């Protein structure tokens, strides 16, 4: 049963009442489990759950009065019955998968509700791309709620996107079924400065009674932060320290703390709860960005909950942060997030609350996974040809396109360099002295070249800069058409010939990620849909992702999940330095800066 056809609580209320009263039989009864009640933070043994038409009708010590001759019995055998897990902020495209294949990947991990912002595809295909993601999301056997993207471009004037999202687009999408609110408001300087378009998007969302997502990627917690909160964003996931989480919660926001493939921001912020003792109702767990390798090999929201527990959080509080807190934030507390009457029957059976093995997953009353195996079909949208033809480059590139020219007569230069920070989204603004060879600045030591290749309008543009932190050695290059958020093409390399080879390979392929070394292709992930996603099974994409990560290691990179760092180097709304199709951006001041200082 799809989201579009799933009946509302009022629609099935007569059936719920009659089953709870014992006048009609339940479709399914889960019997003999420990009821984890996230409203009261209790674990109550020897309870049953009766389900009818995909919703919970009754929870109590015995549901025998709800049993009929055709009632399906699921024996919990003393295991914990917990609500299906909710991801409060994420981007499906970061999994390199379509919504259908993402759902198939995470269902066995117990994720039954996702709040997803498809702003990646919005930058490539505009409102039409958002609609395609939204429509496939509604087809799935679990709950995928779509947030209408707010910022394409993420920082107007700092980058050029394939399409732009307008306030009229936002107002239109607020009427679509399944739109839960506004995606992360990344243009925080715009909100702070009362930009009319940003405030109009927020107003359209608030007037529709829906939730405004936040993105305040600045350490400044003074008047600028206060102005951002006053603009209307209701949550934020860009915090990296305890003070960030506390500031957001004190101002009436939800602090969303994330554990993605490369973002490890839970441990540093959950101390607001575990050590400072603040009320946990306003803290939410999320992933933000997980690639397919993480999903297949490590898990999804179950991984985040386990990590929070390992960081000292009480298991029942951690579960609240991944269920009822999220549901309440989006106005869905009466529909998902707990095992109580009227709610969707999204249930996990697990034998241990701390290690959280996901043994049985039930979504909308249907068993959808057992012991790591997805048991349901996840229908695919029919993606049109133009959604698979989005890498539009004017020509093949040569090594000369990646030249950084030094001042005449210079033997060395001082250069501004983007510094990658392991396991965090922010970068550092660094300066290095670099050698000059035949009039060209050359990669040296830990400093590699980075280029942003325009791929939406076939302008032929290439912007060159420098990056440090990957640890690459030898002659190599890595190119990706996943380049948050404008999604041009990012090429990082130590050799301009390899950079040209990698870029041209993706042009021919129609999108993806590739690594070349010494003239040979080491690994490639083909991502034909918008240059961002594959509609192949997650296991296949994960295998290619594992090969890509190994290829990065073979080129000298030892950073954890460094691909995510690579793909975010064009995200011009997270400090300190980024690259765009218009130049090197100082995100501290939202101004362009020269690559060569002197």
Protein backbone atom coordinates (compact mmCIF):
# COMPACT_ATOMS: atom_id res chain seq x y z
CA UNK A 1 0.00 0.00 0.00
CA UNK A 2 1.53 3.30 -1.09
CA UNK A 3 1.62 6.54 0.81
CA UNK A 4 -0.95 7.95 -1.62
CA UNK A 5 -3.47 5.20 -0.87
CA UNK A 6 -2.76 4.63 2.83
CA UNK A 7 -5.94 5.43 4.80
CA UNK A 8 -6.01 8.19 7.37
CA UNK A 9 -6.87 7.63 11.05
CA UNK A 10 -10.34 9.22 10.65
CA UNK A 11 -10.99 7.04 7.62
CA UNK A 12 -10.42 3.82 9.56
CA UNK A 13 -11.56 4.99 13.02
CA UNK A 14 -14.65 2.71 13.04
CA UNK A 15 -12.44 -0.33 12.41
CA UNK A 16 -9.94 0.77 15.07
CA UNK A 17 -12.69 1.25 17.64
CA UNK A 18 -14.37 -2.05 16.89
CA UNK A 19 -11.14 -4.05 17.04
CA UNK A 20 -10.05 -2.35 20.27
CA UNK A 21 -13.44 -3.12 21.81
CA UNK A 22 -13.32 -6.74 20.67
CA UNK A 23 -16.28 -6.41 18.29
CA UNK A 24 -14.17 -7.08 15.18
CA UNK A 25 -11.04 -9.14 14.56
CA UNK A 26 -7.59 -7.61 14.09
CA UNK A 27 -5.69 -8.25 10.88
CA UNK A 28 -2.52 -8.90 12.88
CA UNK A 29 -1.53 -9.28 16.52
CA UNK A 30 2.03 -9.02 17.77
CA UNK A 31 2.00 -10.98 20.99
CA UNK A 32 4.28 -11.40 23.99
CA UNK A 33 6.65 -8.49 23.55
CA UNK A 34 8.16 -5.72 25.64
CA UNK A 35 6.30 -2.53 24.71
CA UNK A 36 8.73 0.37 24.41
CA UNK A 37 6.58 3.41 25.06
CA UNK A 38 8.40 6.50 23.84
CA UNK A 39 5.74 8.82 25.27
CA UNK A 40 6.50 7.77 28.84
CA UNK A 41 9.99 6.34 28.36
CA UNK A 42 9.01 2.90 29.67
CA UNK A 43 9.68 -0.69 28.65
CA UNK A 44 6.61 -2.72 29.64
CA UNK A 45 6.87 -6.55 29.43
CA UNK A 46 4.20 -8.97 28.29
CA UNK A 47 2.23 -6.73 25.96
CA UNK A 48 0.39 -7.28 22.70
CA UNK A 49 -0.28 -4.97 19.76
CA UNK A 50 -3.41 -5.40 17.62
CA UNK A 51 -3.36 -3.99 14.09
CA UNK A 52 -6.10 -3.38 11.55
CA UNK A 53 -5.83 -1.75 8.13
CA UNK A 54 -2.21 -0.84 8.72
CA UNK A 55 -2.82 1.06 11.97
CA UNK A 56 -2.58 0.17 15.65
CA UNK A 57 -5.96 -0.46 17.26
CA UNK A 58 -4.96 -1.71 20.69
CA UNK A 59 -1.91 -2.07 22.94
CA UNK A 60 -2.22 -3.93 26.25
CA UNK A 61 -1.25 -6.98 28.30
CA UNK A 62 -3.51 -9.18 26.19
CA UNK A 63 -5.10 -8.70 22.77
CA UNK A 64 -6.93 -12.04 22.87
CA UNK A 65 -10.26 -10.23 22.60
CA UNK A 66 -9.11 -8.81 19.25
CA UNK A 67 -8.30 -12.21 17.77
CA UNK A 68 -10.32 -13.77 14.98
CA UNK A 69 -9.99 -16.99 13.00
CA UNK A 70 -7.98 -15.25 10.25
CA UNK A 71 -5.87 -12.97 12.44
CA UNK A 72 -2.16 -13.26 11.70
CA UNK A 73 -0.12 -13.88 14.86
CA UNK A 74 3.45 -12.57 15.11
CA UNK A 75 5.16 -13.91 18.21
CA UNK A 76 7.54 -11.40 19.72
CA UNK A 77 8.94 -14.05 22.11
CA UNK A 78 9.93 -11.54 24.75
CA UNK A 79 11.66 -9.17 22.36
CA UNK A 80 11.35 -5.41 22.49
CA UNK A 81 8.68 -3.80 20.32
CA UNK A 82 9.95 -0.36 19.30
CA UNK A 83 8.59 2.19 16.84
CA UNK A 84 9.99 2.24 13.32
CA UNK A 85 12.92 4.63 13.13
CA UNK A 86 12.60 8.11 11.62
CA UNK A 87 15.35 10.04 9.84
CA UNK A 88 14.62 13.71 10.52
CA UNK A 89 16.91 15.16 7.85
CA UNK A 90 18.45 13.47 4.84
CA UNK A 91 19.06 13.61 1.11
CA UNK A 92 18.22 10.45 -0.81
CA UNK A 93 20.49 11.48 -3.67
CA UNK A 94 23.50 11.25 -1.34
CA UNK A 95 22.91 7.51 -1.23
CA UNK A 96 23.56 7.54 -5.01
CA UNK A 97 20.21 5.73 -5.25
CA UNK A 98 16.69 6.51 -6.39
CA UNK A 99 14.00 6.67 -3.69
CA UNK A 100 12.93 3.10 -4.48
CA UNK A 101 16.39 1.63 -4.10
CA UNK A 102 17.14 3.79 -1.07
CA UNK A 103 13.98 2.47 0.58
CA UNK A 104 14.95 -1.10 -0.28
CA UNK A 105 18.35 -0.50 1.32
CA UNK A 106 17.13 1.01 4.61
CA UNK A 107 13.98 -1.00 5.30
CA UNK A 108 15.99 -3.95 6.70
CA UNK A 109 17.71 -1.48 9.06
CA UNK A 110 14.39 -0.47 10.59
CA UNK A 111 13.92 2.95 8.97
CA UNK A 112 10.21 3.33 8.26
CA UNK A 113 9.95 7.12 7.98
CA UNK A 114 12.23 9.58 6.19
CA UNK A 115 12.08 13.35 5.91
CA UNK A 116 13.99 14.04 2.76
CA UNK A 117 15.06 17.22 1.01
CA UNK A 118 15.73 16.57 -2.71
CA UNK A 119 17.62 19.79 -3.25
CA UNK A 120 20.38 17.93 -5.09
CA UNK A 121 18.13 17.11 -8.03
CA UNK A 122 16.51 20.55 -7.78
CA UNK A 123 19.82 22.10 -8.78
CA UNK A 124 20.00 19.88 -11.88
CA UNK A 125 16.38 19.47 -13.02
CA UNK A 126 14.48 22.12 -11.07
CA UNK A 127 10.92 21.73 -9.85
CA UNK A 128 10.35 18.88 -12.31
CA UNK A 129 13.15 16.90 -10.69
CA UNK A 130 11.67 17.50 -7.25
CA UNK A 131 8.32 16.23 -8.51
CA UNK A 132 9.93 13.05 -9.87
CA UNK A 133 11.59 12.33 -6.52
CA UNK A 134 8.35 13.15 -4.69
CA UNK A 135 6.30 10.87 -6.93
CA UNK A 136 8.63 7.89 -6.55
CA UNK A 137 8.74 8.50 -2.79
CA UNK A 138 4.94 8.21 -2.56
CA UNK A 139 5.08 4.82 -4.29
CA UNK A 140 7.12 3.17 -1.52
CA UNK A 141 5.87 0.77 1.22
CA UNK A 142 7.40 3.01 3.92
CA UNK A 143 6.85 6.69 4.72
CA UNK A 144 8.96 9.11 2.68
CA UNK A 145 7.92 12.69 3.35
CA UNK A 146 9.35 15.31 1.00
CA UNK A 147 10.55 18.75 1.99
CA UNK A 148 10.36 21.26 -0.84
CA UNK A 149 13.90 22.51 -1.54
CA UNK A 150 14.41 26.13 -0.57
CA UNK A 151 17.72 27.17 -2.04
CA UNK A 152 18.79 26.53 -5.61
CA UNK A 153 21.22 28.20 -5.84
CA UNK A 154 22.20 27.78 -2.21
CA UNK A 155 23.88 31.20 -2.21
CA UNK A 156 22.67 33.49 -5.02
CA UNK A 157 25.52 35.26 -6.76
CA UNK A 158 28.07 32.73 -5.52
CA UNK A 159 27.25 29.91 -7.98
CA UNK A 160 25.22 29.04 -11.07
CA UNK A 161 22.83 26.10 -10.96
CA UNK A 162 21.09 24.17 -13.72
CA UNK A 163 17.75 25.51 -12.46
CA UNK A 164 16.60 27.98 -9.83
CA UNK A 165 13.90 27.45 -7.23
CA UNK A 166 11.57 30.42 -6.73
CA UNK A 167 9.14 31.44 -4.02
CA UNK A 168 6.32 30.62 -6.47
CA UNK A 169 7.73 27.09 -6.83
CA UNK A 170 7.68 26.69 -3.06
CA UNK A 171 4.11 27.99 -2.81
CA UNK A 172 2.99 25.57 -5.52
CA UNK A 173 4.66 22.55 -3.90
CA UNK A 174 3.02 23.23 -0.55
CA UNK A 175 -0.20 21.92 -2.10
CA UNK A 176 1.29 18.58 -3.19
CA UNK A 177 0.36 15.51 -1.19
CA UNK A 178 3.35 14.29 0.79
CA UNK A 179 5.10 17.66 1.02
CA UNK A 180 5.86 18.03 4.73
CA UNK A 181 7.58 21.41 4.73
CA UNK A 182 10.47 23.49 3.43
CA UNK A 183 13.90 21.96 2.99
CA UNK A 184 16.91 23.33 4.81
CA UNK A 185 17.16 27.10 4.43
CA UNK A 186 20.84 27.17 3.46
CA UNK A 187 20.91 30.81 2.44
CA UNK A 188 21.30 31.90 6.04
CA UNK A 189 22.83 35.28 5.09
CA UNK A 190 19.68 35.91 3.05
CA UNK A 191 17.44 35.23 6.04
CA UNK A 192 19.63 37.30 8.34
CA UNK A 193 19.42 40.21 5.89
CA UNK A 194 15.64 39.80 5.38
CA UNK A 195 15.95 38.81 1.72
CA UNK A 196 12.40 39.03 0.29
CA UNK A 197 12.59 35.72 -1.61
CA UNK A 198 13.86 33.75 1.38
CA UNK A 199 11.22 35.24 3.67
CA UNK A 200 8.54 34.63 1.03
CA UNK A 201 9.48 30.92 0.87
CA UNK A 202 9.34 30.67 4.65
CA UNK A 203 6.02 32.51 4.74
CA UNK A 204 4.49 30.19 2.12
CA UNK A 205 5.50 27.22 4.25
CA UNK A 206 4.26 28.68 7.52
CA UNK A 207 0.98 29.78 5.93
CA UNK A 208 0.50 26.16 4.81
CA UNK A 209 0.99 25.04 8.42
CA UNK A 210 4.19 23.17 7.60
CA UNK A 211 7.69 22.97 9.03
CA UNK A 212 10.61 25.16 7.92
CA UNK A 213 13.93 23.33 7.84
CA UNK A 214 17.08 25.15 8.90
CA UNK A 215 20.75 25.26 8.00
CA UNK A 216 22.83 27.74 9.99
CA UNK A 217 26.43 26.88 9.12
CA UNK A 218 28.16 29.54 11.15
CA UNK A 219 29.84 29.50 14.56
CA UNK A 220 28.44 32.99 15.28
CA UNK A 221 25.79 32.58 17.98
CA UNK A 222 25.23 36.30 18.45
CA UNK A 223 22.77 38.65 16.74
CA UNK A 224 23.19 36.93 13.36
CA UNK A 225 21.98 33.65 14.81
CA UNK A 226 19.13 35.42 16.59
CA UNK A 227 18.09 37.01 13.30
CA UNK A 228 18.12 33.64 11.58
CA UNK A 229 15.91 32.07 14.25
CA UNK A 230 13.55 35.06 14.06
CA UNK A 231 13.19 34.40 10.33
CA UNK A 232 11.37 31.12 11.00
CA UNK A 233 13.62 28.04 10.54
CA UNK A 234 12.50 25.46 13.11
CA UNK A 235 15.50 23.11 13.24
CA UNK A 236 19.17 22.95 12.40
CA UNK A 237 21.59 20.13 11.68
CA UNK A 238 24.81 22.11 11.14
CA UNK A 239 25.90 22.17 14.78
CA UNK A 240 29.28 20.65 15.57
CA UNK A 241 29.71 21.29 19.31
CA UNK A 242 27.71 21.26 22.54
CA UNK A 243 27.26 25.04 22.50
CA UNK A 244 25.61 24.81 19.08
CA UNK A 245 23.06 22.27 20.27
CA UNK A 246 22.29 24.22 23.44
CA UNK A 247 21.86 27.50 21.58
CA UNK A 248 19.40 25.98 19.14
CA UNK A 249 17.30 24.30 21.81
CA UNK A 250 17.25 27.37 24.03
CA UNK A 251 15.89 29.41 21.13
CA UNK A 252 13.02 26.98 20.52
CA UNK A 253 14.59 25.12 17.61
CA UNK A 254 15.18 21.40 17.34
CA UNK A 255 18.86 20.51 17.38
CA UNK A 256 19.29 17.80 14.75
CA UNK A 257 22.53 15.95 15.42
CA UNK A 258 23.84 13.83 12.61
CA UNK A 259 25.85 10.73 11.94
CA UNK A 260 26.27 10.27 8.21
CA UNK A 261 28.94 8.61 6.17
CA UNK A 262 31.38 11.38 7.04
CA UNK A 263 29.57 13.68 9.50
CA UNK A 264 30.30 12.66 13.08
CA UNK A 265 28.50 15.37 15.01
CA UNK A 266 26.59 13.31 17.60
CA UNK A 267 29.32 12.71 20.16
CA UNK A 268 30.23 16.39 20.46
CA UNK A 269 26.63 17.60 20.91
CA UNK A 270 24.74 14.88 22.77
CA UNK A 271 26.60 15.91 25.92
CA UNK A 272 23.97 18.66 26.20
CA UNK A 273 21.68 15.81 27.26
CA UNK A 274 24.03 13.27 28.80
CA UNK A 275 26.17 15.69 30.83
CA UNK A 276 24.30 19.00 31.02
CA UNK A 277 20.97 17.27 31.65
CA UNK A 278 18.89 19.38 29.26
CA UNK A 279 15.43 18.22 28.19
CA UNK A 280 15.95 15.76 25.30
CA UNK A 281 12.60 16.46 23.64
CA UNK A 282 14.17 19.08 21.41
CA UNK A 283 17.03 16.94 20.12
CA UNK A 284 16.61 14.76 17.01
CA UNK A 285 18.91 12.19 15.44
CA UNK A 286 19.45 12.22 11.68
CA UNK A 287 21.90 11.13 8.99
CA UNK A 288 21.96 14.04 6.49
CA UNK A 289 24.17 12.22 3.97
CA UNK A 290 24.84 8.47 3.73
CA UNK A 291 26.27 6.88 0.62
CA UNK A 292 25.26 3.40 -0.45
CA UNK A 293 28.35 1.75 0.99
CA UNK A 294 27.40 2.94 4.48
CA UNK A 295 23.78 1.88 4.01
CA UNK A 296 24.64 -1.65 2.93
CA UNK A 297 27.64 -2.28 5.18
CA UNK A 298 26.91 -0.31 8.35
CA UNK A 299 23.23 0.61 8.51
CA UNK A 300 21.09 3.72 8.58
CA UNK A 301 19.16 5.16 11.53
CA UNK A 302 19.89 2.02 13.58
CA UNK A 303 23.56 2.95 13.24
CA UNK A 304 22.86 6.47 14.52
CA UNK A 305 20.85 5.24 17.52
CA UNK A 306 23.57 2.73 18.46
CA UNK A 307 26.19 5.46 18.20
CA UNK A 308 24.19 7.78 20.45
CA UNK A 309 23.93 4.98 23.02
CA UNK A 310 27.67 4.33 22.75
CA UNK A 311 28.17 8.04 23.47
CA UNK A 312 26.45 7.57 26.83
CA UNK A 313 22.83 8.25 25.95
CA UNK A 314 20.12 6.25 27.70
CA UNK A 315 18.73 3.80 25.06
CA UNK A 316 15.15 4.94 25.63
CA UNK A 317 16.13 8.58 25.17
CA UNK A 318 18.08 7.72 22.03
CA UNK A 319 14.99 5.97 20.68
CA UNK A 320 12.87 9.02 21.46
CA UNK A 321 15.32 11.12 19.43
CA UNK A 322 14.78 8.83 16.44
CA UNK A 323 11.01 8.40 16.72
CA UNK A 324 8.58 10.57 18.67
CA UNK A 325 10.78 13.69 18.76
CA UNK A 326 11.01 13.64 14.98
CA UNK A 327 7.32 12.95 14.48
CA UNK A 328 6.33 15.75 16.86
CA UNK A 329 8.61 18.22 15.11
CA UNK A 330 6.90 17.67 11.78
CA UNK A 331 3.39 17.67 13.22
CA UNK A 332 2.96 13.93 12.79
CA UNK A 333 2.91 12.79 16.42
CA UNK A 334 -0.62 11.49 15.92
CA UNK A 335 0.39 9.44 12.87
CA UNK A 336 3.89 8.02 13.36
CA UNK A 337 6.64 7.83 15.96
CA UNK A 338 5.07 5.68 18.67
CA UNK A 339 3.30 2.36 19.24
CA UNK A 340 -0.05 3.72 20.32
CA UNK A 341 -3.62 3.54 18.99
CA UNK A 342 -4.33 5.17 15.67
CA UNK A 343 -0.71 5.40 14.61
CA UNK A 344 0.70 3.63 11.58
CA UNK A 345 1.75 0.16 12.59
CA UNK A 346 5.49 0.70 12.04
CA UNK A 347 7.15 -1.71 14.46
CA UNK A 348 10.60 -3.19 14.99
CA UNK A 349 11.23 -6.37 16.94
CA UNK A 350 14.68 -6.42 18.53
CA UNK A 351 16.23 -8.60 21.24
CA UNK A 352 18.45 -5.87 22.70
CA UNK A 353 17.93 -2.14 23.12
CA UNK A 354 21.61 -1.26 23.26
CA UNK A 355 23.08 -3.17 20.33
CA UNK A 356 19.74 -2.90 18.49
CA UNK A 357 19.72 -5.91 16.16
CA UNK A 358 16.91 -5.30 13.65
CA UNK A 359 15.26 -8.71 13.54
CA UNK A 360 11.76 -8.00 12.19
CA UNK A 361 10.47 -4.82 10.56
CA UNK A 362 6.77 -4.12 10.15
CA UNK A 363 5.58 -1.10 8.17
CA UNK A 364 1.91 -0.15 7.97
CA UNK A 365 1.07 -3.52 9.48
CA UNK A 366 2.98 -5.53 6.89
CA UNK A 367 6.16 -7.49 7.58
CA UNK A 368 8.63 -5.79 5.26
CA UNK A 369 11.97 -7.25 6.44
CA UNK A 370 13.33 -10.18 8.43
CA UNK A 371 16.90 -10.53 9.65
CA UNK A 372 18.39 -8.10 7.15
CA UNK A 373 16.36 -9.13 4.11
CA UNK A 374 13.81 -6.83 2.48
CA UNK A 375 10.61 -8.77 1.75
CA UNK A 376 8.61 -6.19 -0.21
CA UNK A 377 8.67 -4.61 -3.62
CA UNK A 378 9.82 -1.00 -3.90
CA UNK A 379 8.28 0.33 -7.12
CA UNK A 380 10.32 2.43 -9.56
CA UNK A 381 9.33 5.68 -11.24
CA UNK A 382 9.71 5.77 -15.03
CA UNK A 383 12.51 8.32 -15.29
CA UNK A 384 12.37 10.13 -18.66
CA UNK A 385 15.37 10.25 -21.05
CA UNK A 386 16.17 13.90 -20.36
CA UNK A 387 16.67 13.07 -16.67
CA UNK A 388 19.47 10.72 -17.79
CA UNK A 389 21.18 13.24 -20.09
CA UNK A 390 22.33 15.99 -17.77
CA UNK A 391 26.11 16.17 -18.29
CA UNK A 392 26.31 19.00 -20.82
CA UNK A 393 29.93 19.95 -21.46
CA UNK A 394 30.96 22.09 -24.41
CA UNK A 395 33.96 19.96 -25.35
CA UNK A 396 36.49 17.45 -24.20
CA UNK A 397 38.97 18.96 -21.77
CA UNK A 398 42.78 18.95 -21.92
CA UNK A 399 45.50 19.33 -19.33
CA UNK A 400 45.71 23.04 -20.20
CA UNK A 401 42.18 23.56 -18.86
CA UNK A 402 43.50 22.75 -15.39
CA UNK A 403 46.43 25.18 -15.45
CA UNK A 404 46.91 27.61 -12.55
CA UNK A 405 49.12 30.33 -14.01
CA UNK A 406 51.71 31.95 -11.73
CA UNK A 407 52.71 35.63 -11.86
CA UNK A 408 55.39 36.29 -14.45
CA UNK A 409 58.89 35.45 -13.22
CA UNK A 410 57.75 33.75 -10.00
CA UNK A 411 59.57 30.65 -8.78
CA UNK A 412 57.10 30.10 -5.95
CA UNK A 413 53.77 31.53 -4.82
CA UNK A 414 51.73 31.82 -1.65
CA UNK A 415 48.27 30.43 -2.33
CA UNK A 416 44.91 30.20 -0.60
CA UNK A 417 44.07 26.52 -0.12
CA UNK A 418 40.86 24.73 0.89
CA UNK A 419 41.64 22.58 3.93
CA UNK A 420 39.59 19.40 4.33
CA UNK A 421 38.57 18.50 7.90
CA UNK A 422 38.05 14.79 8.56
CA UNK A 423 34.52 13.77 9.61
CA UNK A 424 33.15 17.31 9.40
CA UNK A 425 31.47 19.40 6.72
CA UNK A 426 33.34 22.69 7.38
CA UNK A 427 36.71 23.29 5.73
CA UNK A 428 39.65 25.45 6.82
CA UNK A 429 41.08 28.48 5.02
CA UNK A 430 44.78 27.67 4.69
CA UNK A 431 47.77 29.20 2.94
CA UNK A 432 50.73 27.31 1.49
CA UNK A 433 53.87 28.27 -0.40
CA UNK A 434 53.94 26.23 -3.60
CA UNK A 435 56.53 25.80 -6.34
CA UNK A 436 56.14 27.13 -9.87
CA UNK A 437 57.19 25.04 -12.88
CA UNK A 438 57.26 26.62 -16.35
CA UNK A 439 54.94 29.37 -15.21
CA UNK A 440 52.40 27.03 -13.61
CA UNK A 441 51.60 26.50 -9.95
CA UNK A 442 52.07 22.79 -9.27
CA UNK A 443 50.54 20.44 -6.73
CA UNK A 444 53.07 19.71 -4.02
CA UNK A 445 53.14 17.68 -0.83
CA UNK A 446 49.63 17.35 0.55
CA UNK A 447 48.27 20.10 -1.70
CA UNK A 448 46.37 18.92 -4.77
CA UNK A 449 44.58 20.82 -7.49
CA UNK A 450 40.80 21.16 -7.55
CA UNK A 451 38.66 22.25 -10.48
CA UNK A 452 34.97 23.00 -10.88
CA UNK A 453 33.85 22.07 -14.41
CA UNK A 454 30.54 23.60 -15.59
CA UNK A 455 28.18 20.82 -16.74
CA UNK A 456 24.65 22.28 -16.95
CA UNK A 457 24.75 24.79 -19.82
CA UNK A 458 27.83 23.66 -21.80
CA UNK A 459 29.65 26.95 -21.21
CA UNK A 460 33.07 25.29 -21.25
CA UNK A 461 33.95 26.98 -17.99
CA UNK A 462 36.62 25.55 -15.68
CA UNK A 463 37.56 27.19 -12.35
CA UNK A 464 40.81 26.06 -10.77
CA UNK A 465 41.96 26.22 -7.14
CA UNK A 466 43.88 24.18 -4.56
CA UNK A 467 42.91 21.76 -1.78
CA UNK A 468 44.75 20.10 1.10
CA UNK A 469 44.02 17.12 3.33
CA UNK A 470 43.35 14.20 1.05
CA UNK A 471 46.93 12.93 1.14
CA UNK A 472 47.02 11.91 -2.52
CA UNK A 473 50.33 10.72 -3.98
CA UNK A 474 51.51 9.86 -7.48
CA UNK A 475 49.77 10.98 -10.66
CA UNK A 476 46.03 10.69 -10.07
CA UNK A 477 42.67 12.42 -10.32
CA UNK A 478 39.15 11.92 -8.99
CA UNK A 479 36.11 13.45 -10.72
CA UNK A 480 32.47 13.54 -9.64
CA UNK A 481 29.24 15.01 -11.02
CA UNK A 482 27.98 14.85 -7.44
CA UNK A 483 29.10 18.30 -6.32
CA UNK A 484 26.85 19.68 -3.60
CA UNK A 485 24.85 21.70 -4.19
CA UNK A 486 25.20 23.12 -7.69
CA UNK A 487 26.26 19.69 -8.98
CA UNK A 488 28.63 20.75 -11.66
CA UNK A 489 31.73 18.50 -11.79
CA UNK A 490 34.43 18.50 -9.13
CA UNK A 491 37.85 17.23 -10.20
CA UNK A 492 40.64 16.81 -7.62
CA UNK A 493 44.05 15.63 -8.73
CA UNK A 494 47.80 15.79 -8.53
CA UNK A 495 48.30 15.73 -12.31
CA UNK A 496 46.48 17.77 -14.96
CA UNK A 497 46.57 14.99 -17.57
CA UNK A 498 44.79 12.65 -15.17
CA UNK A 499 42.28 15.39 -14.35
CA UNK A 500 41.39 15.74 -18.02
CA UNK A 501 41.05 11.97 -18.43
CA UNK A 502 38.71 11.70 -15.45
CA UNK A 503 36.53 14.65 -16.50
CA UNK A 504 36.17 13.42 -20.06
CA UNK A 505 35.28 9.93 -18.88
CA UNK A 506 32.34 11.29 -16.90
CA UNK A 507 31.28 13.42 -19.86
CA UNK A 508 31.10 10.29 -21.99
CA UNK A 509 29.46 8.24 -19.22
CA UNK A 510 26.72 10.79 -18.52
CA UNK A 511 27.53 11.25 -14.86
CA UNK A 512 29.07 9.52 -11.89
CA UNK A 513 32.34 9.27 -9.99
CA UNK A 514 35.66 8.05 -11.35
CA UNK A 515 39.30 7.76 -10.31
CA UNK A 516 42.28 7.63 -12.68
CA UNK A 517 45.90 6.92 -11.85
CA UNK A 518 48.85 6.83 -14.22
CA UNK A 519 46.53 6.95 -17.22
CA UNK A 520 44.34 4.03 -16.12
CA UNK A 521 40.81 3.94 -14.71
CA UNK A 522 40.86 2.53 -11.17
CA UNK A 523 37.17 2.73 -10.29
CA UNK A 524 33.92 4.20 -11.61
CA UNK A 525 30.39 4.53 -10.27
CA UNK A 526 27.93 5.31 -13.05
CA UNK A 527 25.14 7.65 -11.89
CA UNK A 528 22.99 8.26 -14.96
CA UNK A 529 19.96 9.92 -13.32
CA UNK A 530 20.73 13.65 -13.07
CA UNK A 531 24.40 12.68 -12.70
CA UNK A 532 23.51 11.90 -9.07
CA UNK A 533 21.76 8.54 -8.79
CA UNK A 534 21.61 4.98 -10.04
CA UNK A 535 18.44 2.93 -10.21
CA UNK A 536 20.43 -0.27 -9.70
CA UNK A 537 20.13 -2.17 -6.39
CA UNK A 538 21.98 -0.69 -3.45
CA UNK A 539 24.21 -3.75 -3.14
CA UNK A 540 25.52 -3.18 -6.69
CA UNK A 541 26.14 0.51 -6.10
CA UNK A 542 27.70 -0.26 -2.72
CA UNK A 543 30.14 -2.68 -4.34
CA UNK A 544 31.23 0.04 -6.75
CA UNK A 545 31.43 2.48 -3.85
CA UNK A 546 33.69 0.10 -1.93
CA UNK A 547 35.91 -0.14 -5.01
CA UNK A 548 36.00 3.65 -5.25
CA UNK A 549 37.00 3.98 -1.59
CA UNK A 550 39.76 1.43 -2.12
CA UNK A 551 40.94 3.34 -5.18
CA UNK A 552 41.14 6.51 -3.06
CA UNK A 553 43.25 4.61 -0.54
CA UNK A 554 45.42 3.29 -3.38
CA UNK A 555 46.05 6.91 -4.31
CA UNK A 556 47.21 7.71 -0.77
CA UNK A 557 44.02 8.98 0.89
CA UNK A 558 43.44 7.70 4.42
CA UNK A 559 40.57 9.98 5.49
CA UNK A 560 37.37 8.36 6.72
CA UNK A 561 34.80 8.37 3.90
CA UNK A 562 36.73 11.02 2.02
CA UNK A 563 34.35 10.82 -0.93
CA UNK A 564 31.81 12.83 1.07
CA UNK A 565 34.44 15.50 1.68
CA UNK A 566 35.20 15.56 -2.05
CA UNK A 567 31.55 15.93 -3.03
CA UNK A 568 30.98 18.89 -0.66
CA UNK A 569 33.88 21.05 -1.79
CA UNK A 570 31.49 23.16 -3.90
CA UNK A 571 28.95 23.74 -1.10
CA UNK A 572 29.23 27.51 -0.84
CA UNK A 573 27.13 27.84 2.32
CA UNK A 574 29.45 25.99 4.72
CA UNK A 575 32.64 27.78 5.86
CA UNK A 576 35.39 28.39 5.36
CA UNK A 577 36.52 28.02 1.71
CA UNK A 578 34.68 26.44 -1.23
CA UNK A 579 34.91 26.40 -5.00
CA UNK A 580 32.13 27.33 -7.41
CA UNK A 581 31.77 27.83 -11.14
CA UNK A 582 32.34 31.53 -10.46
CA UNK A 583 35.53 31.27 -8.41
CA UNK A 584 37.04 30.51 -5.00
CA UNK A 585 34.52 31.50 -2.30
CA UNK A 586 35.30 32.72 1.21
CA UNK A 587 32.13 31.56 2.97
CA UNK A 588 33.06 33.57 6.08
CA UNK A 589 32.39 36.77 4.16
CA UNK A 590 30.53 35.46 1.08
CA UNK A 591 33.09 37.06 -1.17
CA UNK A 592 35.32 35.69 -3.91
CA UNK A 593 39.05 35.51 -3.26
CA UNK A 594 42.12 35.02 -5.39
CA UNK A 595 43.82 31.64 -5.42
CA UNK A 596 47.28 33.23 -5.52
CA UNK A 597 48.06 35.65 -2.71
CA UNK A 598 51.52 36.63 -3.90
